[in-house]
PDB file of N, CA and C in Angstrom:
ATOM      1  N   MET A   1     138.293  81.104  94.386  1.00  0.00           N
ATOM      2  CA  MET A   1     137.170  81.024  95.290  1.00  0.00           C
ATOM      3  C   MET A   1     137.439  79.921  96.299  1.00  0.00           C
ATOM      4  N   LYS A   2     137.150  80.187  97.524  1.00  0.00           N
ATOM      5  CA  LYS A   2     137.386  79.231  98.597  1.00  0.00           C
ATOM      6  C   LYS A   2     136.105  78.458  98.879  1.00  0.00           C
ATOM      7  N   PHE A   3     136.267  77.220  99.363  1.00  0.00           N
ATOM      8  CA  PHE A   3     135.109  76.383  99.649  1.00  0.00           C
ATOM      9  C   PHE A   3     134.227  76.971 100.736  1.00  0.00           C
ATOM     10  N   LYS A   4     134.786  77.749 101.638  1.00  0.00           N
ATOM     11  CA  LYS A   4     133.982  78.354 102.705  1.00  0.00           C
ATOM     12  C   LYS A   4     133.019  79.402 102.165  1.00  0.00           C
ATOM     13  N   ASP A   5     133.306  79.934 100.959  1.00  0.00           N
ATOM     14  CA  ASP A   5     132.459  80.966 100.359  1.00  0.00           C
ATOM     15  C   ASP A   5     131.282  80.392  99.578  1.00  0.00           C
ATOM     16  N   ILE A   6     131.286  79.096  99.313  1.00  0.00           N
ATOM     17  CA  ILE A   6     130.240  78.487  98.497  1.00  0.00           C
ATOM     18  C   ILE A   6     128.967  78.328  99.317  1.00  0.00           C
ATOM     19  N   LEU A   7     127.861  78.741  98.730  1.00  0.00           N
ATOM     20  CA  LEU A   7     126.569  78.615  99.397  1.00  0.00           C
ATOM     21  C   LEU A   7     126.051  77.188  99.309  1.00  0.00           C
ATOM     22  N   LYS A   8     125.241  76.799 100.280  1.00  0.00           N
ATOM     23  CA  LYS A   8     124.549  75.516 100.223  1.00  0.00           C
ATOM     24  C   LYS A   8     123.307  75.700  99.365  1.00  0.00           C
ATOM     25  N   SER A   9     123.131  74.851  98.394  1.00  0.00           N
ATOM     26  CA  SER A   9     121.948  74.932  97.545  1.00  0.00           C
ATOM     27  C   SER A   9     120.721  74.519  98.347  1.00  0.00           C
ATOM     28  N   PRO A  10     119.584  75.136  98.069  1.00  0.00           N
ATOM     29  CA  PRO A  10     118.368  74.780  98.796  1.00  0.00           C
ATOM     30  C   PRO A  10     117.926  73.360  98.461  1.00  0.00           C
ATOM     31  N   VAL A  11     117.378  72.666  99.441  1.00  0.00           N
ATOM     32  CA  VAL A  11     116.885  71.306  99.267  1.00  0.00           C
ATOM     33  C   VAL A  11     115.400  71.312  99.596  1.00  0.00           C
ATOM     34  N   PHE A  12     114.612  70.731  98.718  1.00  0.00           N
ATOM     35  CA  PHE A  12     113.171  70.674  98.921  1.00  0.00           C
ATOM     36  C   PHE A  12     112.740  69.232  99.079  1.00  0.00           C
ATOM     37  N   ALA A  13     111.626  69.030  99.756  1.00  0.00           N
ATOM     38  CA  ALA A  13     111.124  67.686 100.003  1.00  0.00           C
ATOM     39  C   ALA A  13     110.826  66.978  98.681  1.00  0.00           C
ATOM     40  N   ARG A  14     111.017  65.677  98.692  1.00  0.00           N
ATOM     41  CA  ARG A  14     110.743  64.887  97.495  1.00  0.00           C
ATOM     42  C   ARG A  14     109.260  65.015  97.147  1.00  0.00           C
ATOM     43  N   GLY A  15     108.981  65.236  95.897  1.00  0.00           N
ATOM     44  CA  GLY A  15     107.600  65.375  95.460  1.00  0.00           C
ATOM     45  C   GLY A  15     107.026  66.766  95.661  1.00  0.00           C
ATOM     46  N   HIS A  16     107.885  67.730  96.002  1.00  0.00           N
ATOM     47  CA  HIS A  16     107.422  69.108  96.204  1.00  0.00           C
ATOM     48  C   HIS A  16     106.867  69.654  94.895  1.00  0.00           C
ATOM     49  N   LEU A  17     105.670  70.182  94.932  1.00  0.00           N
ATOM     50  CA  LEU A  17     105.047  70.761  93.745  1.00  0.00           C
ATOM     51  C   LEU A  17     104.963  72.267  93.907  1.00  0.00           C
ATOM     52  N   TRP A  18     105.327  72.968  92.864  1.00  0.00           N
ATOM     53  CA  TRP A  18     105.285  74.426  92.884  1.00  0.00           C
ATOM     54  C   TRP A  18     103.944  74.887  92.348  1.00  0.00           C
ATOM     55  N   PRO A  19     103.175  75.591  93.159  1.00  0.00           N
ATOM     56  CA  PRO A  19     101.885  76.114  92.671  1.00  0.00           C
ATOM     57  C   PRO A  19     102.112  77.374  91.838  1.00  0.00           C
ATOM     58  N   PHE A  20     102.064  77.236  90.529  1.00  0.00           N
ATOM     59  CA  PHE A  20     102.318  78.389  89.670  1.00  0.00           C
ATOM     60  C   PHE A  20     101.092  78.661  88.795  1.00  0.00           C
ATOM     61  N   GLU A  21     100.973  79.890  88.382  1.00  0.00           N
ATOM     62  CA  GLU A  21      99.911  80.299  87.467  1.00  0.00           C
ATOM     63  C   GLU A  21     100.539  81.049  86.303  1.00  0.00           C
ATOM     64  N   LYS A  22     100.013  80.781  85.131  1.00  0.00           N
ATOM     65  CA  LYS A  22     100.479  81.509  83.955  1.00  0.00           C
ATOM     66  C   LYS A  22      99.890  82.908  83.959  1.00  0.00           C
ATOM     67  N   ARG A  23     100.567  83.814  83.288  1.00  0.00           N
ATOM     68  CA  ARG A  23     100.059  85.181  83.154  1.00  0.00           C
ATOM     69  C   ARG A  23      98.818  85.168  82.265  1.00  0.00           C
ATOM     70  N   LYS A  24      97.855  85.969  82.614  1.00  0.00           N
ATOM     71  CA  LYS A  24      96.572  85.954  81.913  1.00  0.00           C
ATOM     72  C   LYS A  24      96.582  86.766  80.623  1.00  0.00           C
ATOM     73  N   GLN A  25      97.249  87.895  80.598  1.00  0.00           N
ATOM     74  CA  GLN A  25      97.167  88.819  79.470  1.00  0.00           C
ATOM     75  C   GLN A  25      98.087  88.480  78.304  1.00  0.00           C
ATOM     76  N   GLN A  26      99.030  87.569  78.514  1.00  0.00           N
ATOM     77  CA  GLN A  26      99.979  87.251  77.450  1.00  0.00           C
ATOM     78  C   GLN A  26     100.346  85.783  77.514  1.00  0.00           C
ATOM     79  N   TYR A  27     100.895  85.273  76.414  1.00  0.00           N
ATOM     80  CA  TYR A  27     101.299  83.877  76.375  1.00  0.00           C
ATOM     81  C   TYR A  27     102.501  83.650  77.285  1.00  0.00           C
ATOM     82  N   GLU A  28     102.454  82.562  78.035  1.00  0.00           N
ATOM     83  CA  GLU A  28     103.575  82.159  78.870  1.00  0.00           C
ATOM     84  C   GLU A  28     103.565  80.643  78.973  1.00  0.00           C
ATOM     85  N   SER A  29     104.698  80.017  78.749  1.00  0.00           N
ATOM     86  CA  SER A  29     104.765  78.564  78.831  1.00  0.00           C
ATOM     87  C   SER A  29     104.753  78.116  80.292  1.00  0.00           C
ATOM     88  N   ASP A  30     104.502  76.834  80.498  1.00  0.00           N
ATOM     89  CA  ASP A  30     104.506  76.276  81.847  1.00  0.00           C
ATOM     90  C   ASP A  30     105.879  76.415  82.494  1.00  0.00           C
ATOM     91  N   VAL A  31     106.915  76.179  81.702  1.00  0.00           N
ATOM     92  CA  VAL A  31     108.281  76.250  82.233  1.00  0.00           C
ATOM     93  C   VAL A  31     108.615  77.668  82.675  1.00  0.00           C
ATOM     94  N   THR A  32     108.265  78.652  81.864  1.00  0.00           N
ATOM     95  CA  THR A  32     108.546  80.043  82.211  1.00  0.00           C
ATOM     96  C   THR A  32     107.801  80.453  83.473  1.00  0.00           C
ATOM     97  N   ALA A  33     106.546  80.028  83.586  1.00  0.00           N
ATOM     98  CA  ALA A  33     105.758  80.341  84.780  1.00  0.00           C
ATOM     99  C   ALA A  33     106.348  79.665  86.014  1.00  0.00           C
ATOM    100  N   LEU A  34     106.820  78.431  85.847  1.00  0.00           N
ATOM    101  CA  LEU A  34     107.429  77.714  86.968  1.00  0.00           C
ATOM    102  C   LEU A  34     108.711  78.398  87.427  1.00  0.00           C
ATOM    103  N   VAL A  35     109.577  78.768  86.498  1.00  0.00           N
ATOM    104  CA  VAL A  35     110.834  79.438  86.851  1.00  0.00           C
ATOM    105  C   VAL A  35     110.562  80.780  87.517  1.00  0.00           C
ATOM    106  N   ARG A  36     109.591  81.515  86.992  1.00  0.00           N
ATOM    107  CA  ARG A  36     109.228  82.806  87.595  1.00  0.00           C
ATOM    108  C   ARG A  36     108.757  82.603  89.038  1.00  0.00           C
ATOM    109  N   LYS A  37     107.968  81.558  89.284  1.00  0.00           N
ATOM    110  CA  LYS A  37     107.484  81.267  90.642  1.00  0.00           C
ATOM    111  C   LYS A  37     108.641  80.836  91.553  1.00  0.00           C
ATOM    112  N   MET A  38     109.552  80.034  91.022  1.00  0.00           N
ATOM    113  CA  MET A  38     110.681  79.571  91.829  1.00  0.00           C
ATOM    114  C   MET A  38     111.582  80.731  92.229  1.00  0.00           C
ATOM    115  N   GLN A  39     111.721  81.739  91.371  1.00  0.00           N
ATOM    116  CA  GLN A  39     112.570  82.881  91.674  1.00  0.00           C
ATOM    117  C   GLN A  39     112.002  83.749  92.799  1.00  0.00           C
ATOM    118  N   GLU A  40     110.746  83.529  93.157  1.00  0.00           N
ATOM    119  CA  GLU A  40     110.172  84.258  94.287  1.00  0.00           C
ATOM    120  C   GLU A  40     110.712  83.746  95.623  1.00  0.00           C
ATOM    121  N   ASP A  41     111.250  82.517  95.619  1.00  0.00           N
ATOM    122  CA  ASP A  41     111.843  81.947  96.825  1.00  0.00           C
ATOM    123  C   ASP A  41     113.238  82.560  97.007  1.00  0.00           C
ATOM    124  N   GLU A  42     113.478  83.186  98.136  1.00  0.00           N
ATOM    125  CA  GLU A  42     114.736  83.904  98.367  1.00  0.00           C
ATOM    126  C   GLU A  42     115.951  82.976  98.342  1.00  0.00           C
ATOM    127  N   SER A  43     115.821  81.749  98.861  1.00  0.00           N
ATOM    128  CA  SER A  43     116.969  80.839  98.872  1.00  0.00           C
ATOM    129  C   SER A  43     117.362  80.432  97.449  1.00  0.00           C
ATOM    130  N   ILE A  44     116.391  80.253  96.581  1.00  0.00           N
ATOM    131  CA  ILE A  44     116.694  79.913  95.190  1.00  0.00           C
ATOM    132  C   ILE A  44     117.294  81.107  94.477  1.00  0.00           C
ATOM    133  N   ARG A  45     116.767  82.275  94.734  1.00  0.00           N
ATOM    134  CA  ARG A  45     117.292  83.483  94.100  1.00  0.00           C
ATOM    135  C   ARG A  45     118.752  83.708  94.473  1.00  0.00           C
ATOM    136  N   ARG A  46     119.096  83.542  95.761  1.00  0.00           N
ATOM    137  CA  ARG A  46     120.488  83.703  96.196  1.00  0.00           C
ATOM    138  C   ARG A  46     121.383  82.664  95.546  1.00  0.00           C
ATOM    139  N   ASP A  47     120.899  81.405  95.505  1.00  0.00           N
ATOM    140  CA  ASP A  47     121.687  80.316  94.935  1.00  0.00           C
ATOM    141  C   ASP A  47     121.968  80.561  93.461  1.00  0.00           C
ATOM    142  N   GLN A  48     120.969  80.965  92.705  1.00  0.00           N
ATOM    143  CA  GLN A  48     121.147  81.204  91.281  1.00  0.00           C
ATOM    144  C   GLN A  48     122.009  82.434  91.015  1.00  0.00           C
ATOM    145  N   SER A  49     121.854  83.448  91.829  1.00  0.00           N
ATOM    146  CA  SER A  49     122.690  84.639  91.685  1.00  0.00           C
ATOM    147  C   SER A  49     124.152  84.302  91.955  1.00  0.00           C
ATOM    148  N   PHE A  50     124.396  83.516  92.983  1.00  0.00           N
ATOM    149  CA  PHE A  50     125.755  83.096  93.319  1.00  0.00           C
ATOM    150  C   PHE A  50     126.352  82.268  92.185  1.00  0.00           C
ATOM    151  N   ALA A  51     125.562  81.322  91.638  1.00  0.00           N
ATOM    152  CA  ALA A  51     126.054  80.472  90.551  1.00  0.00           C
ATOM    153  C   ALA A  51     126.375  81.307  89.312  1.00  0.00           C
ATOM    154  N   TRP A  52     125.527  82.269  89.007  1.00  0.00           N
ATOM    155  CA  TRP A  52     125.757  83.128  87.836  1.00  0.00           C
ATOM    156  C   TRP A  52     127.025  83.957  88.017  1.00  0.00           C
ATOM    157  N   ASN A  53     127.200  84.562  89.176  1.00  0.00           N
ATOM    158  CA  ASN A  53     128.391  85.378  89.426  1.00  0.00           C
ATOM    159  C   ASN A  53     129.653  84.531  89.423  1.00  0.00           C
ATOM    160  N   ARG A  54     129.563  83.321  89.950  1.00  0.00           N
ATOM    161  CA  ARG A  54     130.712  82.423  89.959  1.00  0.00           C
ATOM    162  C   ARG A  54     131.077  82.033  88.534  1.00  0.00           C
ATOM    163  N   TRP A  55     130.079  81.740  87.708  1.00  0.00           N
ATOM    164  CA  TRP A  55     130.343  81.371  86.322  1.00  0.00           C
ATOM    165  C   TRP A  55     130.969  82.540  85.571  1.00  0.00           C
ATOM    166  N   ARG A  56     130.477  83.751  85.802  1.00  0.00           N
ATOM    167  CA  ARG A  56     131.014  84.919  85.105  1.00  0.00           C
ATOM    168  C   ARG A  56     132.445  85.207  85.524  1.00  0.00           C
ATOM    169  N   ALA A  57     132.794  84.907  86.772  1.00  0.00           N
ATOM    170  CA  ALA A  57     134.132  85.200  87.277  1.00  0.00           C
ATOM    171  C   ALA A  57     135.138  84.113  86.940  1.00  0.00           C
ATOM    172  N   ASP A  58     134.669  82.990  86.397  1.00  0.00           N
ATOM    173  CA  ASP A  58     135.543  81.873  86.102  1.00  0.00           C
ATOM    174  C   ASP A  58     136.406  82.190  84.882  1.00  0.00           C
ATOM    175  N   ASP A  59     137.711  82.144  85.035  1.00  0.00           N
ATOM    176  CA  ASP A  59     138.625  82.461  83.937  1.00  0.00           C
ATOM    177  C   ASP A  59     138.563  81.422  82.815  1.00  0.00           C
ATOM    178  N   ARG A  60     138.278  80.189  83.156  1.00  0.00           N
ATOM    179  CA  ARG A  60     138.267  79.149  82.133  1.00  0.00           C
ATOM    180  C   ARG A  60     137.163  79.376  81.109  1.00  0.00           C
ATOM    181  N   ALA A  61     136.042  79.983  81.516  1.00  0.00           N
ATOM    182  CA  ALA A  61     134.936  80.201  80.587  1.00  0.00           C
ATOM    183  C   ALA A  61     135.285  81.218  79.503  1.00  0.00           C
ATOM    184  N   THR A  62     136.183  82.141  79.812  1.00  0.00           N
ATOM    185  CA  THR A  62     136.516  83.189  78.850  1.00  0.00           C
ATOM    186  C   THR A  62     137.738  82.853  77.999  1.00  0.00           C
ATOM    187  N   THR A  63     138.486  81.815  78.343  1.00  0.00           N
ATOM    188  CA  THR A  63     139.704  81.506  77.600  1.00  0.00           C
ATOM    189  C   THR A  63     139.484  80.454  76.528  1.00  0.00           C
ATOM    190  N   ARG A  64     138.313  79.910  76.422  1.00  0.00           N
ATOM    191  CA  ARG A  64     138.054  78.868  75.406  1.00  0.00           C
ATOM    192  C   ARG A  64     137.859  79.454  74.059  1.00  0.00           C
TER     193      ARG A  64
END
């Protein structure tokens, strides 16, 4: 992988609070609700998808 292909991770203002709500019909922890809300942001979704694909393609992870 070349450095030019690496995405810039999103940067948020210091003290940024995510307005999240838990699901009403079933149990959901605060962390799960927060992650679900964060995944609605397209820049975070792209960044996490890129990181996951990069990790899966890494040869060192499979040779251990």
